[in-house]
C-alpha cells in the first residue's frame, strides 16, 4: 500500500489494484486479474494472473536450496 492505494510493481511502473473479491484484485494491463492462494495459516505463497490471452499464469514462492559448496573466488 502506497499513497492510500494497493499497488503492484511492474518494470514499466506501478499499477493500482482494485479489490474484486476475497483474495482477488483487478489492475491495468498486463495484470488483469490477480488472485492470491492462501493457506489456512494465512500464508499467501502463490498468486495467479489472468489477462486476455494469458490465463492462470501461476507464481509460486520458493526457498532456494544450495546444491553444493560455493566455488572458490
PDB file of N, CA and C in Angstrom:
ATOM      1  N   UNK A   1       0.855  -1.173   0.000  1.00  0.00           N
ATOM      2  CA  UNK A   1       0.000   0.000   0.000  1.00  0.00           C
ATOM      3  C   UNK A   1       0.900   1.234   0.000  1.00  0.00           C
ATOM      4  N   UNK A   2       0.692   2.086  -0.985  1.00  0.00           N
ATOM      5  CA  UNK A   2       1.410   3.364  -1.075  1.00  0.00           C
ATOM      6  C   UNK A   2       0.424   4.414  -1.519  1.00  0.00           C
ATOM      7  N   UNK A   3       0.549   5.578  -0.940  1.00  0.00           N
ATOM      8  CA  UNK A   3      -0.307   6.708  -1.301  1.00  0.00           C
ATOM      9  C   UNK A   3      -1.791   6.350  -1.196  1.00  0.00           C
ATOM     10  N   UNK A   4      -2.125   5.505  -0.204  1.00  0.00           N
ATOM     11  CA  UNK A   4      -3.514   5.145   0.036  1.00  0.00           C
ATOM     12  C   UNK A   4      -4.102   4.149  -0.941  1.00  0.00           C
ATOM     13  N   UNK A   5      -3.271   3.525  -1.797  1.00  0.00           N
ATOM     14  CA  UNK A   5      -3.778   2.559  -2.777  1.00  0.00           C
ATOM     15  C   UNK A   5      -2.901   1.310  -2.770  1.00  0.00           C
ATOM     16  N   UNK A   6      -3.527   0.167  -3.033  1.00  0.00           N
ATOM     17  CA  UNK A   6      -2.798  -1.071  -3.178  1.00  0.00           C
ATOM     18  C   UNK A   6      -2.183  -1.085  -4.573  1.00  0.00           C
ATOM     19  N   UNK A   7      -0.882  -1.353  -4.644  1.00  0.00           N
ATOM     20  CA  UNK A   7      -0.172  -1.287  -5.918  1.00  0.00           C
ATOM     21  C   UNK A   7       0.669  -2.536  -6.107  1.00  0.00           C
ATOM     22  N   UNK A   8       0.928  -2.858  -7.371  1.00  0.00           N
ATOM     23  CA  UNK A   8       1.882  -3.901  -7.718  1.00  0.00           C
ATOM     24  C   UNK A   8       2.951  -3.240  -8.588  1.00  0.00           C
ATOM     25  N   UNK A   9       4.191  -3.602  -8.340  1.00  0.00           N
ATOM     26  CA  UNK A   9       5.307  -3.013  -9.084  1.00  0.00           C
ATOM     27  C   UNK A   9       5.531  -3.794 -10.373  1.00  0.00           C
ATOM     28  N   UNK A  10       5.730  -3.072 -11.442  1.00  0.00           N
ATOM     29  CA  UNK A  10       5.929  -3.630 -12.777  1.00  0.00           C
ATOM     30  C   UNK A  10       7.118  -2.896 -13.379  1.00  0.00           C
ATOM     31  N   UNK A  11       7.904  -3.533 -14.259  1.00  0.00           N
ATOM     32  CA  UNK A  11       9.074  -2.841 -14.818  1.00  0.00           C
ATOM     33  C   UNK A  11       8.768  -1.483 -15.452  1.00  0.00           C
ATOM     34  N   UNK A  12       7.547  -1.295 -15.956  1.00  0.00           N
ATOM     35  CA  UNK A  12       7.211  -0.012 -16.578  1.00  0.00           C
ATOM     36  C   UNK A  12       6.491   0.928 -15.635  1.00  0.00           C
ATOM     37  N   UNK A  13       6.414   0.577 -14.347  1.00  0.00           N
ATOM     38  CA  UNK A  13       5.780   1.455 -13.366  1.00  0.00           C
ATOM     39  C   UNK A  13       4.845   0.697 -12.452  1.00  0.00           C
ATOM     40  N   UNK A  14       4.253   1.394 -11.512  1.00  0.00           N
ATOM     41  CA  UNK A  14       3.322   0.790 -10.567  1.00  0.00           C
ATOM     42  C   UNK A  14       1.924   0.731 -11.158  1.00  0.00           C
ATOM     43  N   UNK A  15       1.183  -0.321 -10.801  1.00  0.00           N
ATOM     44  CA  UNK A  15      -0.195  -0.493 -11.249  1.00  0.00           C
ATOM     45  C   UNK A  15      -1.087  -0.532 -10.023  1.00  0.00           C
ATOM     46  N   UNK A  16      -2.119   0.310  -9.992  1.00  0.00           N
ATOM     47  CA  UNK A  16      -3.089   0.307  -8.897  1.00  0.00           C
ATOM     48  C   UNK A  16      -3.971  -0.923  -9.017  1.00  0.00           C
ATOM     49  N   UNK A  17      -4.266  -1.543  -7.867  1.00  0.00           N
ATOM     50  CA  UNK A  17      -5.147  -2.703  -7.824  1.00  0.00           C
ATOM     51  C   UNK A  17      -6.436  -2.348  -7.110  1.00  0.00           C
ATOM     52  N   UNK A  18      -7.542  -2.866  -7.608  1.00  0.00           N
ATOM     53  CA  UNK A  18      -8.857  -2.678  -7.009  1.00  0.00           C
ATOM     54  C   UNK A  18      -9.371  -4.034  -6.543  1.00  0.00           C
ATOM     55  N   UNK A  19      -9.966  -4.110  -5.345  1.00  0.00           N
ATOM     56  CA  UNK A  19     -10.488  -5.398  -4.875  1.00  0.00           C
ATOM     57  C   UNK A  19     -11.636  -5.900  -5.750  1.00  0.00           C
ATOM     58  N   UNK A  20     -11.623  -7.207  -6.039  1.00  0.00           N
ATOM     59  CA  UNK A  20     -12.681  -7.845  -6.822  1.00  0.00           C
ATOM     60  C   UNK A  20     -13.441  -8.875  -5.996  1.00  0.00           C
ATOM     61  N   UNK A  21     -12.888  -9.259  -4.871  1.00  0.00           N
ATOM     62  CA  UNK A  21     -13.478 -10.285  -4.014  1.00  0.00           C
ATOM     63  C   UNK A  21     -12.425 -10.762  -3.047  1.00  0.00           C
ATOM     64  N   UNK A  22     -12.698 -11.870  -2.378  1.00  0.00           N
ATOM     65  CA  UNK A  22     -11.737 -12.404  -1.411  1.00  0.00           C
ATOM     66  C   UNK A  22     -10.452 -12.814  -2.122  1.00  0.00           C
ATOM     67  N   UNK A  23      -9.346 -12.211  -1.745  1.00  0.00           N
ATOM     68  CA  UNK A  23      -8.016 -12.511  -2.270  1.00  0.00           C
ATOM     69  C   UNK A  23      -7.881 -12.301  -3.777  1.00  0.00           C
ATOM     70  N   UNK A  24      -8.732 -11.457  -4.375  1.00  0.00           N
ATOM     71  CA  UNK A  24      -8.659 -11.187  -5.813  1.00  0.00           C
ATOM     72  C   UNK A  24      -8.678  -9.684  -6.061  1.00  0.00           C
ATOM     73  N   UNK A  25      -7.869  -9.259  -7.041  1.00  0.00           N
ATOM     74  CA  UNK A  25      -7.727  -7.841  -7.349  1.00  0.00           C
ATOM     75  C   UNK A  25      -7.658  -7.656  -8.854  1.00  0.00           C
ATOM     76  N   UNK A  26      -8.091  -6.512  -9.326  1.00  0.00           N
ATOM     77  CA  UNK A  26      -8.026  -6.186 -10.741  1.00  0.00           C
ATOM     78  C   UNK A  26      -7.103  -5.013 -10.961  1.00  0.00           C
ATOM     79  N   UNK A  27      -6.406  -5.021 -12.096  1.00  0.00           N
ATOM     80  CA  UNK A  27      -5.497  -3.939 -12.432  1.00  0.00           C
ATOM     81  C   UNK A  27      -5.387  -3.789 -13.933  1.00  0.00           C
ATOM     82  N   UNK A  28      -4.682  -2.749 -14.337  1.00  0.00           N
ATOM     83  CA  UNK A  28      -4.475  -2.468 -15.757  1.00  0.00           C
ATOM     84  C   UNK A  28      -3.524  -3.491 -16.381  1.00  0.00           C
ATOM     85  N   UNK A  29      -3.447  -3.477 -17.719  1.00  0.00           N
ATOM     86  CA  UNK A  29      -2.515  -4.336 -18.445  1.00  0.00           C
ATOM     87  C   UNK A  29      -1.116  -4.124 -17.901  1.00  0.00           C
ATOM     88  N   UNK A  30      -0.328  -5.129 -17.689  1.00  0.00           N
ATOM     89  CA  UNK A  30      -0.506  -6.532 -18.010  1.00  0.00           C
ATOM     90  C   UNK A  30      -1.003  -7.386 -16.848  1.00  0.00           C
ATOM     91  N   UNK A  31      -1.567  -6.797 -15.820  1.00  0.00           N
ATOM     92  CA  UNK A  31      -2.004  -7.580 -14.658  1.00  0.00           C
ATOM     93  C   UNK A  31      -3.374  -8.206 -14.867  1.00  0.00           C
ATOM     94  N   UNK A  32      -4.380  -7.458 -15.261  1.00  0.00           N
ATOM     95  CA  UNK A  32      -5.728  -8.013 -15.395  1.00  0.00           C
ATOM     96  C   UNK A  32      -6.271  -8.404 -14.038  1.00  0.00           C
ATOM     97  N   UNK A  33      -6.463  -9.694 -13.807  1.00  0.00           N
ATOM     98  CA  UNK A  33      -6.945 -10.196 -12.527  1.00  0.00           C
ATOM     99  C   UNK A  33      -5.815 -10.919 -11.813  1.00  0.00           C
ATOM    100  N   UNK A  34      -5.564 -10.534 -10.576  1.00  0.00           N
ATOM    101  CA  UNK A  34      -4.533 -11.143  -9.755  1.00  0.00           C
ATOM    102  C   UNK A  34      -5.239 -11.836  -8.597  1.00  0.00           C
ATOM    103  N   UNK A  35      -5.009 -13.142  -8.433  1.00  0.00           N
ATOM    104  CA  UNK A  35      -5.655 -13.915  -7.373  1.00  0.00           C
ATOM    105  C   UNK A  35      -4.596 -14.557  -6.494  1.00  0.00           C
ATOM    106  N   UNK A  36      -4.707 -14.327  -5.166  1.00  0.00           N
ATOM    107  CA  UNK A  36      -3.804 -14.955  -4.208  1.00  0.00           C
ATOM    108  C   UNK A  36      -4.392 -16.270  -3.742  1.00  0.00           C
ATOM    109  N   UNK A  37      -3.526 -17.247  -3.502  1.00  0.00           N
ATOM    110  CA  UNK A  37      -3.920 -18.529  -2.912  1.00  0.00           C
ATOM    111  C   UNK A  37      -3.261 -18.582  -1.543  1.00  0.00           C
ATOM    112  N   UNK A  38      -4.094 -18.587  -0.496  1.00  0.00           N
ATOM    113  CA  UNK A  38      -3.583 -18.531   0.868  1.00  0.00           C
ATOM    114  C   UNK A  38      -3.883 -19.832   1.608  1.00  0.00           C
ATOM    115  N   UNK A  39      -2.944 -20.260   2.435  1.00  0.00           N
ATOM    116  CA  UNK A  39      -3.111 -21.456   3.254  1.00  0.00           C
ATOM    117  C   UNK A  39      -3.970 -21.126   4.471  1.00  0.00           C
ATOM    118  N   UNK A  40      -4.386 -22.153   5.187  1.00  0.00           N
ATOM    119  CA  UNK A  40      -5.210 -21.964   6.380  1.00  0.00           C
ATOM    120  C   UNK A  40      -4.511 -21.126   7.441  1.00  0.00           C
ATOM    121  N   UNK A  41      -3.161 -21.170   7.474  1.00  0.00           N
ATOM    122  CA  UNK A  41      -2.418 -20.386   8.468  1.00  0.00           C
ATOM    123  C   UNK A  41      -2.261 -18.929   8.059  1.00  0.00           C
ATOM    124  N   UNK A  42      -2.783 -18.555   6.893  1.00  0.00           N
ATOM    125  CA  UNK A  42      -2.734 -17.161   6.449  1.00  0.00           C
ATOM    126  C   UNK A  42      -1.598 -16.839   5.501  1.00  0.00           C
ATOM    127  N   UNK A  43      -0.640 -17.761   5.332  1.00  0.00           N
ATOM    128  CA  UNK A  43       0.460 -17.522   4.398  1.00  0.00           C
ATOM    129  C   UNK A  43      -0.060 -17.564   2.965  1.00  0.00           C
ATOM    130  N   UNK A  44       0.304 -16.556   2.191  1.00  0.00           N
ATOM    131  CA  UNK A  44      -0.075 -16.499   0.768  1.00  0.00           C
ATOM    132  C   UNK A  44       1.203 -16.623  -0.047  1.00  0.00           C
ATOM    133  N   UNK A  45       1.498 -17.838  -0.501  1.00  0.00           N
ATOM    134  CA  UNK A  45       2.738 -18.108  -1.222  1.00  0.00           C
ATOM    135  C   UNK A  45       2.542 -18.347  -2.708  1.00  0.00           C
ATOM    136  N   UNK A  46       1.312 -18.180  -3.193  1.00  0.00           N
ATOM    137  CA  UNK A  46       1.007 -18.422  -4.600  1.00  0.00           C
ATOM    138  C   UNK A  46       0.063 -17.327  -5.081  1.00  0.00           C
ATOM    139  N   UNK A  47       0.272 -16.849  -6.315  1.00  0.00           N
ATOM    140  CA  UNK A  47      -0.731 -15.998  -6.945  1.00  0.00           C
ATOM    141  C   UNK A  47      -0.760 -16.313  -8.428  1.00  0.00           C
ATOM    142  N   UNK A  48      -1.895 -16.019  -9.050  1.00  0.00           N
ATOM    143  CA  UNK A  48      -2.022 -16.235 -10.480  1.00  0.00           C
ATOM    144  C   UNK A  48      -2.555 -14.972 -11.134  1.00  0.00           C
ATOM    145  N   UNK A  49      -2.255 -14.836 -12.424  1.00  0.00           N
ATOM    146  CA  UNK A  49      -2.681 -13.671 -13.203  1.00  0.00           C
ATOM    147  C   UNK A  49      -3.451 -14.159 -14.420  1.00  0.00           C
ATOM    148  N   UNK A  50      -4.590 -13.521 -14.681  1.00  0.00           N
ATOM    149  CA  UNK A  50      -5.376 -13.746 -15.900  1.00  0.00           C
ATOM    150  C   UNK A  50      -5.465 -12.402 -16.619  1.00  0.00           C
ATOM    151  N   UNK A  51      -5.073 -12.357 -17.875  1.00  0.00           N
ATOM    152  CA  UNK A  51      -5.179 -11.118 -18.634  1.00  0.00           C
ATOM    153  C   UNK A  51      -5.300 -11.431 -20.119  1.00  0.00           C
ATOM    154  N   UNK A  52      -6.504 -11.434 -20.605  1.00  0.00           N
ATOM    155  CA  UNK A  52      -6.701 -11.685 -22.033  1.00  0.00           C
ATOM    156  C   UNK A  52      -6.299 -13.081 -22.434  1.00  0.00           C
ATOM    157  N   UNK A  53      -5.280 -13.177 -23.263  1.00  0.00           N
ATOM    158  CA  UNK A  53      -4.838 -14.486 -23.757  1.00  0.00           C
ATOM    159  C   UNK A  53      -4.131 -15.312 -22.698  1.00  0.00           C
ATOM    160  N   UNK A  54      -3.568 -14.677 -21.694  1.00  0.00           N
ATOM    161  CA  UNK A  54      -2.881 -15.399 -20.621  1.00  0.00           C
ATOM    162  C   UNK A  54      -3.898 -15.743 -19.545  1.00  0.00           C
ATOM    163  N   UNK A  55      -3.998 -17.031 -19.213  1.00  0.00           N
ATOM    164  CA  UNK A  55      -4.944 -17.483 -18.200  1.00  0.00           C
ATOM    165  C   UNK A  55      -4.207 -18.322 -17.161  1.00  0.00           C
ATOM    166  N   UNK A  56      -4.424 -17.984 -15.899  1.00  0.00           N
ATOM    167  CA  UNK A  56      -3.873 -18.758 -14.776  1.00  0.00           C
ATOM    168  C   UNK A  56      -2.352 -18.878 -14.821  1.00  0.00           C
ATOM    169  N   UNK A  57      -1.672 -17.784 -15.147  1.00  0.00           N
ATOM    170  CA  UNK A  57      -0.210 -17.756 -15.063  1.00  0.00           C
ATOM    171  C   UNK A  57       0.133 -17.757 -13.583  1.00  0.00           C
ATOM    172  N   UNK A  58       0.752 -18.826 -13.120  1.00  0.00           N
ATOM    173  CA  UNK A  58       0.923 -19.070 -11.688  1.00  0.00           C
ATOM    174  C   UNK A  58       2.343 -18.750 -11.243  1.00  0.00           C
ATOM    175  N   UNK A  59       2.445 -18.045 -10.119  1.00  0.00           N
ATOM    176  CA  UNK A  59       3.720 -17.706  -9.499  1.00  0.00           C
ATOM    177  C   UNK A  59       3.735 -18.320  -8.107  1.00  0.00           C
ATOM    178  N   UNK A  60       4.792 -19.077  -7.804  1.00  0.00           N
ATOM    179  CA  UNK A  60       4.905 -19.760  -6.513  1.00  0.00           C
ATOM    180  C   UNK A  60       6.187 -19.301  -5.837  1.00  0.00           C
ATOM    181  N   UNK A  61       6.072 -18.893  -4.572  1.00  0.00           N
ATOM    182  CA  UNK A  61       7.258 -18.508  -3.794  1.00  0.00           C
ATOM    183  C   UNK A  61       7.982 -19.783  -3.390  1.00  0.00           C
ATOM    184  N   UNK A  62       9.270 -19.840  -3.675  1.00  0.00           N
ATOM    185  CA  UNK A  62      10.088 -20.990  -3.306  1.00  0.00           C
ATOM    186  C   UNK A  62      11.287 -20.513  -2.510  1.00  0.00           C
ATOM    187  N   UNK A  63      11.822 -21.398  -1.695  1.00  0.00           N
ATOM    188  CA  UNK A  63      13.049 -21.110  -0.963  1.00  0.00           C
ATOM    189  C   UNK A  63      14.183 -21.818  -1.681  1.00  0.00           C
ATOM    190  N   UNK A  64      15.188 -21.074  -2.137  1.00  0.00           N
ATOM    191  CA  UNK A  64      16.291 -21.724  -2.841  1.00  0.00           C
ATOM    192  C   UNK A  64      17.065 -22.643  -1.898  1.00  0.00           C
ATOM    193  N   UNK A  65      17.456 -23.794  -2.421  1.00  0.00           N
ATOM    194  CA  UNK A  65      18.215 -24.763  -1.653  1.00  0.00           C
ATOM    195  C   UNK A  65      19.598 -24.878  -2.285  1.00  0.00           C
ATOM    196  N   UNK A  66      20.672 -24.661  -1.487  1.00  0.00           N
ATOM    197  CA  UNK A  66      22.017 -24.792  -2.049  1.00  0.00           C
ATOM    198  C   UNK A  66      22.243 -26.230  -2.516  1.00  0.00           C
ATOM    199  N   UNK A  67      22.930 -26.383  -3.643  1.00  0.00           N
ATOM    200  CA  UNK A  67      23.191 -27.716  -4.180  1.00  0.00           C
ATOM    201  C   UNK A  67      24.594 -28.208  -3.852  1.00  0.00           C
ATOM    202  N   UNK A  68      25.448 -27.341  -3.391  1.00  0.00           N
ATOM    203  CA  UNK A  68      26.807 -27.750  -3.058  1.00  0.00           C
ATOM    204  C   UNK A  68      27.576 -26.577  -2.489  1.00  0.00           C
ATOM    205  N   UNK A  69      28.824 -26.820  -2.158  1.00  0.00           N
ATOM    206  CA  UNK A  69      29.639 -25.720  -1.598  1.00  0.00           C
ATOM    207  C   UNK A  69      29.896 -24.650  -2.650  1.00  0.00           C
ATOM    208  N   UNK A  70      30.119 -23.446  -2.148  1.00  0.00           N
ATOM    209  CA  UNK A  70      30.461 -22.339  -3.049  1.00  0.00           C
ATOM    210  C   UNK A  70      31.764 -22.617  -3.753  1.00  0.00           C
ATOM    211  N   UNK A  71      31.841 -22.177  -4.996  1.00  0.00           N
ATOM    212  CA  UNK A  71      33.106 -22.321  -5.707  1.00  0.00           C
ATOM    213  C   UNK A  71      34.074 -21.256  -5.219  1.00  0.00           C
ATOM    214  N   UNK A  72      35.362 -21.552  -5.162  1.00  0.00           N
ATOM    215  CA  UNK A  72      36.333 -20.554  -4.689  1.00  0.00           C
ATOM    216  C   UNK A  72      36.451 -19.396  -5.678  1.00  0.00           C
ATOM    217  N   UNK A  73      36.542 -18.194  -5.097  1.00  0.00           N
ATOM    218  CA  UNK A  73      36.822 -16.983  -5.813  1.00  0.00           C
ATOM    219  C   UNK A  73      35.925 -16.640  -6.876  1.00  0.00           C
TER     220      UNK A  73
END
